[in-house]
Amino acid sequence: MNVEWLVEKDVEECLQESLNNWIKNMTSCNKKREKVEGYYYSEYEPFYPIPVPNVLTEEEAKELFDLIKEKEKNANVEYYLGDSTSRVTGEILGNKEYELDGWTWTGDLAEHYVLTHKCKINN
């Protein structure tokens, strides 16, 4: 890396370039993992859908919650540094991700998005 080039560059420009590269990498990673659920729109992840609360009935939410929890028993679990933020309430959530049969979903999908906020999942 040419240090002189880096020094000459504006710090804000470097940060923006870094952010753009991160978004590009995230987008390409998620194109490879098309079967994802519980990942929602943010300023840094504009390619995800926006969660819509209060779509499911109590009964639908409970049924879907139970199905997801059953799948989680057999899924691979991955933990990440840092926590996620709810796209519904803004509160801090967890850092867990599940993977099973080619599907990947967030650790907060069942309880937070489905059971508590009754968001309908995409798939």
C-alpha atoms as a PDB file:
ATOM      1  CA  MET A   1       0.000   0.000   0.000  1.00  0.00           C
ATOM      2  CA  ASN A   2       1.312   3.420  -0.923  1.00  0.00           C
ATOM      3  CA  VAL A   3       1.332   5.354   2.369  1.00  0.00           C
ATOM      4  CA  GLU A   4       1.843   8.718   0.641  1.00  0.00           C
ATOM      5  CA  TRP A   5      -1.355   8.135  -1.345  1.00  0.00           C
ATOM      6  CA  LEU A   6      -3.252   7.369   1.858  1.00  0.00           C
ATOM      7  CA  VAL A   7      -1.954  10.479   3.622  1.00  0.00           C
ATOM      8  CA  GLU A   8      -2.991  12.662   0.701  1.00  0.00           C
ATOM      9  CA  LYS A   9      -6.505  11.266   0.671  1.00  0.00           C
ATOM     10  CA  ASP A  10      -9.153  12.981   2.717  1.00  0.00           C
ATOM     11  CA  VAL A  11     -10.117  10.913   5.778  1.00  0.00           C
ATOM     12  CA  GLU A  12     -13.816  11.207   4.993  1.00  0.00           C
ATOM     13  CA  GLU A  13     -13.185   9.961   1.462  1.00  0.00           C
ATOM     14  CA  CYS A  14     -11.309   6.948   2.863  1.00  0.00           C
ATOM     15  CA  LEU A  15     -14.143   6.135   5.230  1.00  0.00           C
ATOM     16  CA  GLN A  16     -16.729   6.451   2.465  1.00  0.00           C
ATOM     17  CA  GLU A  17     -14.685   4.201   0.175  1.00  0.00           C
ATOM     18  CA  SER A  18     -14.334   1.648   2.942  1.00  0.00           C
ATOM     19  CA  LEU A  19     -18.084   1.712   3.608  1.00  0.00           C
ATOM     20  CA  ASN A  20     -18.875   1.349  -0.095  1.00  0.00           C
ATOM     21  CA  ASN A  21     -16.547  -1.665  -0.339  1.00  0.00           C
ATOM     22  CA  TRP A  22     -18.159  -3.230   2.737  1.00  0.00           C
ATOM     23  CA  ILE A  23     -21.656  -2.778   1.281  1.00  0.00           C
ATOM     24  CA  LYS A  24     -20.480  -4.229  -2.049  1.00  0.00           C
ATOM     25  CA  ASN A  25     -19.007  -7.250  -0.259  1.00  0.00           C
ATOM     26  CA  MET A  26     -22.133  -7.755   1.860  1.00  0.00           C
ATOM     27  CA  THR A  27     -24.337  -7.565  -1.220  1.00  0.00           C
ATOM     28  CA  SER A  28     -22.261 -10.139  -3.081  1.00  0.00           C
ATOM     29  CA  CYS A  29     -22.147 -12.427  -0.023  1.00  0.00           C
ATOM     30  CA  ASN A  30     -25.913 -12.343   0.320  1.00  0.00           C
ATOM     31  CA  LYS A  31     -26.442 -13.035  -3.362  1.00  0.00           C
ATOM     32  CA  LYS A  32     -24.654 -16.315  -2.706  1.00  0.00           C
ATOM     33  CA  ARG A  33     -26.872 -16.924   0.335  1.00  0.00           C
ATOM     34  CA  GLU A  34     -30.228 -16.232  -1.221  1.00  0.00           C
ATOM     35  CA  LYS A  35     -32.206 -18.142   1.370  1.00  0.00           C
ATOM     36  CA  VAL A  36     -31.961 -15.695   4.281  1.00  0.00           C
ATOM     37  CA  GLU A  37     -34.596 -14.566   6.725  1.00  0.00           C
ATOM     38  CA  GLY A  38     -34.765 -12.001   9.519  1.00  0.00           C
ATOM     39  CA  TYR A  39     -32.306  -9.599   7.939  1.00  0.00           C
ATOM     40  CA  TYR A  40     -33.935  -6.230   7.443  1.00  0.00           C
ATOM     41  CA  TYR A  41     -33.278  -2.879   5.816  1.00  0.00           C
ATOM     42  CA  SER A  42     -30.788  -0.450   7.317  1.00  0.00           C
ATOM     43  CA  GLU A  43     -28.737   2.462   6.044  1.00  0.00           C
ATOM     44  CA  TYR A  44     -25.836   0.057   5.582  1.00  0.00           C
ATOM     45  CA  GLU A  45     -27.902  -2.832   4.209  1.00  0.00           C
ATOM     46  CA  PRO A  46     -30.394  -1.217   1.815  1.00  0.00           C
ATOM     47  CA  PHE A  47     -30.875  -4.445  -0.136  1.00  0.00           C
ATOM     48  CA  TYR A  48     -32.931  -6.086   2.644  1.00  0.00           C
ATOM     49  CA  PRO A  49     -36.722  -5.664   3.043  1.00  0.00           C
ATOM     50  CA  ILE A  50     -38.319  -3.389   5.647  1.00  0.00           C
ATOM     51  CA  PRO A  51     -40.051  -5.331   8.467  1.00  0.00           C
ATOM     52  CA  VAL A  52     -43.776  -4.704   8.795  1.00  0.00           C
ATOM     53  CA  PRO A  53     -45.127  -5.335  12.312  1.00  0.00           C
ATOM     54  CA  ASN A  54     -48.655  -6.487  13.222  1.00  0.00           C
ATOM     55  CA  VAL A  55     -49.277  -8.471  10.049  1.00  0.00           C
ATOM     56  CA  LEU A  56     -49.657 -11.907  11.656  1.00  0.00           C
ATOM     57  CA  THR A  57     -52.469 -12.883  14.000  1.00  0.00           C
ATOM     58  CA  GLU A  58     -51.595 -14.188  17.480  1.00  0.00           C
ATOM     59  CA  GLU A  59     -52.251 -17.721  16.282  1.00  0.00           C
ATOM     60  CA  GLU A  60     -50.138 -17.351  13.111  1.00  0.00           C
ATOM     61  CA  ALA A  61     -47.284 -15.782  15.099  1.00  0.00           C
ATOM     62  CA  LYS A  62     -47.317 -18.584  17.684  1.00  0.00           C
ATOM     63  CA  GLU A  63     -47.421 -21.292  14.998  1.00  0.00           C
ATOM     64  CA  LEU A  64     -44.535 -19.728  13.071  1.00  0.00           C
ATOM     65  CA  PHE A  65     -42.574 -19.121  16.288  1.00  0.00           C
ATOM     66  CA  ASP A  66     -42.916 -22.806  17.236  1.00  0.00           C
ATOM     67  CA  LEU A  67     -41.802 -23.901  13.748  1.00  0.00           C
ATOM     68  CA  ILE A  68     -38.696 -21.677  13.841  1.00  0.00           C
ATOM     69  CA  LYS A  69     -37.779 -22.799  17.371  1.00  0.00           C
ATOM     70  CA  GLU A  70     -38.087 -26.439  16.275  1.00  0.00           C
ATOM     71  CA  LYS A  71     -35.748 -25.795  13.316  1.00  0.00           C
ATOM     72  CA  GLU A  72     -33.254 -24.054  15.634  1.00  0.00           C
ATOM     73  CA  LYS A  73     -32.815 -27.286  17.609  1.00  0.00           C
ATOM     74  CA  ASN A  74     -31.057 -28.886  14.620  1.00  0.00           C
ATOM     75  CA  ALA A  75     -29.431 -25.796  13.121  1.00  0.00           C
ATOM     76  CA  ASN A  76     -25.793 -24.762  13.194  1.00  0.00           C
ATOM     77  CA  VAL A  77     -25.305 -21.698  15.391  1.00  0.00           C
ATOM     78  CA  GLU A  78     -22.825 -18.914  14.713  1.00  0.00           C
ATOM     79  CA  TYR A  79     -22.064 -16.053  17.105  1.00  0.00           C
ATOM     80  CA  TYR A  80     -20.694 -12.723  15.953  1.00  0.00           C
ATOM     81  CA  LEU A  81     -18.920  -9.840  17.656  1.00  0.00           C
ATOM     82  CA  GLY A  82     -21.269  -6.967  18.361  1.00  0.00           C
ATOM     83  CA  ASP A  83     -25.024  -6.951  18.547  1.00  0.00           C
ATOM     84  CA  SER A  84     -27.745  -6.309  16.015  1.00  0.00           C
ATOM     85  CA  THR A  85     -30.367  -3.587  16.326  1.00  0.00           C
ATOM     86  CA  SER A  86     -34.098  -4.100  15.940  1.00  0.00           C
ATOM     87  CA  ARG A  87     -35.405  -2.599  12.725  1.00  0.00           C
ATOM     88  CA  VAL A  88     -38.796  -2.233  14.446  1.00  0.00           C
ATOM     89  CA  THR A  89     -37.963  -0.685  17.839  1.00  0.00           C
ATOM     90  CA  GLY A  90     -34.298   0.304  17.635  1.00  0.00           C
ATOM     91  CA  GLU A  91     -33.422  -1.753  20.714  1.00  0.00           C
ATOM     92  CA  ILE A  92     -30.228  -3.793  20.938  1.00  0.00           C
ATOM     93  CA  LEU A  93     -30.740  -7.464  20.090  1.00  0.00           C
ATOM     94  CA  GLY A  94     -28.385 -10.422  19.953  1.00  0.00           C
ATOM     95  CA  ASN A  95     -25.494 -11.632  17.853  1.00  0.00           C
ATOM     96  CA  LYS A  96     -26.602 -15.130  16.873  1.00  0.00           C
ATOM     97  CA  GLU A  97     -27.288 -16.609  13.459  1.00  0.00           C
ATOM     98  CA  TYR A  98     -28.740 -20.019  12.556  1.00  0.00           C
ATOM     99  CA  GLU A  99     -28.152 -22.096   9.445  1.00  0.00           C
ATOM    100  CA  LEU A 100     -29.994 -25.233   8.342  1.00  0.00           C
ATOM    101  CA  ASP A 101     -30.747 -26.846   4.961  1.00  0.00           C
ATOM    102  CA  GLY A 102     -29.325 -23.891   3.043  1.00  0.00           C
ATOM    103  CA  TRP A 103     -31.318 -21.333   5.041  1.00  0.00           C
ATOM    104  CA  THR A 104     -29.784 -18.676   7.289  1.00  0.00           C
ATOM    105  CA  TRP A 105     -31.759 -16.627   9.816  1.00  0.00           C
ATOM    106  CA  THR A 106     -31.105 -14.273  12.698  1.00  0.00           C
ATOM    107  CA  GLY A 107     -31.250 -15.412  16.291  1.00  0.00           C
ATOM    108  CA  ASP A 108     -33.941 -12.830  17.023  1.00  0.00           C
ATOM    109  CA  LEU A 109     -36.269 -13.795  14.205  1.00  0.00           C
ATOM    110  CA  ALA A 110     -38.590 -16.101  16.163  1.00  0.00           C
ATOM    111  CA  GLU A 111     -39.052 -14.223  19.411  1.00  0.00           C
ATOM    112  CA  HIS A 112     -38.527 -10.575  18.489  1.00  0.00           C
ATOM    113  CA  TYR A 113     -39.846 -10.233  14.953  1.00  0.00           C
ATOM    114  CA  VAL A 114     -42.411 -13.038  14.728  1.00  0.00           C
ATOM    115  CA  LEU A 115     -43.808 -13.540  18.244  1.00  0.00           C
ATOM    116  CA  THR A 116     -43.461 -10.056  19.717  1.00  0.00           C
ATOM    117  CA  HIS A 117     -44.000  -7.834  16.657  1.00  0.00           C
ATOM    118  CA  LYS A 118     -45.912 -10.279  14.449  1.00  0.00           C
ATOM    119  CA  CYS A 119     -43.840  -9.572  11.351  1.00  0.00           C
ATOM    120  CA  LYS A 120     -44.540 -11.891   8.464  1.00  0.00           C
ATOM    121  CA  ILE A 121     -41.369 -13.474   7.152  1.00  0.00           C
ATOM    122  CA  ASN A 122     -40.646 -13.517   3.450  1.00  0.00           C
ATOM    123  CA  ASN A 123     -40.245 -17.248   2.885  1.00  0.00           C
END
